[in-house]
């Protein structure tokens, strides 16, 4: 959170992509936007990891 606070103080618009796990309400108080990110915690599967990468790319395109 110190990095997020510092970026806000410096005038940056902060958008956080995170897996919603109960802490999103705390993070949302510090940022301009918070978006859900698909992250599988079941293990290491390259195909599921590709879904995470595509989710990142989707948000980067939308935020740009």
C-alpha atoms as a PDB file:
ATOM      1  CA  UNK A   1       0.000   0.000   0.000  1.00  0.00           C
ATOM      2  CA  UNK A   2       2.846   2.491   0.496  1.00  0.00           C
ATOM      3  CA  UNK A   3       3.580   2.410  -3.241  1.00  0.00           C
ATOM      4  CA  UNK A   4      -0.074   3.042  -4.084  1.00  0.00           C
ATOM      5  CA  UNK A   5      -0.216   5.965  -1.653  1.00  0.00           C
ATOM      6  CA  UNK A   6       2.974   7.436  -3.087  1.00  0.00           C
ATOM      7  CA  UNK A   7       1.697   7.172  -6.653  1.00  0.00           C
ATOM      8  CA  UNK A   8      -1.524   8.927  -5.618  1.00  0.00           C
ATOM      9  CA  UNK A   9       0.460  11.687  -3.891  1.00  0.00           C
ATOM     10  CA  UNK A  10       2.528  12.173  -7.035  1.00  0.00           C
ATOM     11  CA  UNK A  11      -0.665  12.659  -9.051  1.00  0.00           C
ATOM     12  CA  UNK A  12      -0.887   9.318 -10.817  1.00  0.00           C
ATOM     13  CA  UNK A  13      -4.206   7.621 -11.495  1.00  0.00           C
ATOM     14  CA  UNK A  14      -3.920   4.172  -9.903  1.00  0.00           C
ATOM     15  CA  UNK A  15      -5.835   1.149 -11.200  1.00  0.00           C
ATOM     16  CA  UNK A  16      -5.287  -2.192  -9.476  1.00  0.00           C
ATOM     17  CA  UNK A  17      -5.968  -5.579 -11.044  1.00  0.00           C
ATOM     18  CA  UNK A  18      -6.366  -8.192  -8.347  1.00  0.00           C
ATOM     19  CA  UNK A  19      -8.088 -11.400  -7.494  1.00  0.00           C
ATOM     20  CA  UNK A  20     -10.997 -10.491  -5.238  1.00  0.00           C
ATOM     21  CA  UNK A  21     -10.308 -12.219  -1.946  1.00  0.00           C
ATOM     22  CA  UNK A  22     -11.890 -10.035   0.702  1.00  0.00           C
ATOM     23  CA  UNK A  23      -9.284  -7.269   0.795  1.00  0.00           C
ATOM     24  CA  UNK A  24     -10.606  -5.435  -2.245  1.00  0.00           C
ATOM     25  CA  UNK A  25     -12.615  -3.032  -0.067  1.00  0.00           C
ATOM     26  CA  UNK A  26      -9.412  -1.934   1.692  1.00  0.00           C
ATOM     27  CA  UNK A  27      -7.556  -1.528  -1.587  1.00  0.00           C
ATOM     28  CA  UNK A  28     -10.492   0.317  -3.180  1.00  0.00           C
ATOM     29  CA  UNK A  29     -10.154   3.086  -0.579  1.00  0.00           C
ATOM     30  CA  UNK A  30      -6.634   3.854  -1.819  1.00  0.00           C
ATOM     31  CA  UNK A  31      -7.018   3.591  -5.610  1.00  0.00           C
ATOM     32  CA  UNK A  32      -9.004   5.200  -8.414  1.00  0.00           C
ATOM     33  CA  UNK A  33     -10.144   1.880  -9.899  1.00  0.00           C
ATOM     34  CA  UNK A  34     -10.037  -1.745  -8.854  1.00  0.00           C
ATOM     35  CA  UNK A  35     -10.742  -4.517 -11.342  1.00  0.00           C
ATOM     36  CA  UNK A  36     -11.097  -8.267 -10.848  1.00  0.00           C
ATOM     37  CA  UNK A  37      -8.307 -10.395 -12.281  1.00  0.00           C
ATOM     38  CA  UNK A  38      -8.663 -14.096 -12.976  1.00  0.00           C
ATOM     39  CA  UNK A  39      -5.881 -15.979 -11.205  1.00  0.00           C
ATOM     40  CA  UNK A  40      -6.039 -19.726 -10.685  1.00  0.00           C
ATOM     41  CA  UNK A  41      -4.694 -20.968  -7.377  1.00  0.00           C
ATOM     42  CA  UNK A  42      -5.178 -24.647  -8.216  1.00  0.00           C
ATOM     43  CA  UNK A  43      -1.685 -25.236  -9.514  1.00  0.00           C
ATOM     44  CA  UNK A  44       0.546 -24.581 -12.461  1.00  0.00           C
ATOM     45  CA  UNK A  45      -1.284 -25.094 -15.717  1.00  0.00           C
ATOM     46  CA  UNK A  46       0.055 -23.160 -18.714  1.00  0.00           C
ATOM     47  CA  UNK A  47      -3.351 -23.022 -20.387  1.00  0.00           C
ATOM     48  CA  UNK A  48      -4.983 -21.503 -17.324  1.00  0.00           C
ATOM     49  CA  UNK A  49      -2.044 -19.105 -17.018  1.00  0.00           C
ATOM     50  CA  UNK A  50      -2.764 -18.005 -20.588  1.00  0.00           C
ATOM     51  CA  UNK A  51      -6.244 -16.980 -19.436  1.00  0.00           C
ATOM     52  CA  UNK A  52      -4.627 -14.762 -16.822  1.00  0.00           C
ATOM     53  CA  UNK A  53      -2.377 -13.189 -19.453  1.00  0.00           C
ATOM     54  CA  UNK A  54      -5.367 -12.573 -21.729  1.00  0.00           C
ATOM     55  CA  UNK A  55      -7.194 -10.986 -18.805  1.00  0.00           C
ATOM     56  CA  UNK A  56      -4.216  -8.649 -18.258  1.00  0.00           C
ATOM     57  CA  UNK A  57      -4.126  -7.722 -21.941  1.00  0.00           C
ATOM     58  CA  UNK A  58      -7.884  -7.089 -21.982  1.00  0.00           C
ATOM     59  CA  UNK A  59      -7.600  -4.578 -19.148  1.00  0.00           C
ATOM     60  CA  UNK A  60      -4.491  -2.911 -20.581  1.00  0.00           C
ATOM     61  CA  UNK A  61      -6.314  -2.328 -23.864  1.00  0.00           C
ATOM     62  CA  UNK A  62      -9.376  -0.934 -22.074  1.00  0.00           C
ATOM     63  CA  UNK A  63      -7.340   1.343 -19.817  1.00  0.00           C
ATOM     64  CA  UNK A  64      -5.174   2.692 -22.601  1.00  0.00           C
END
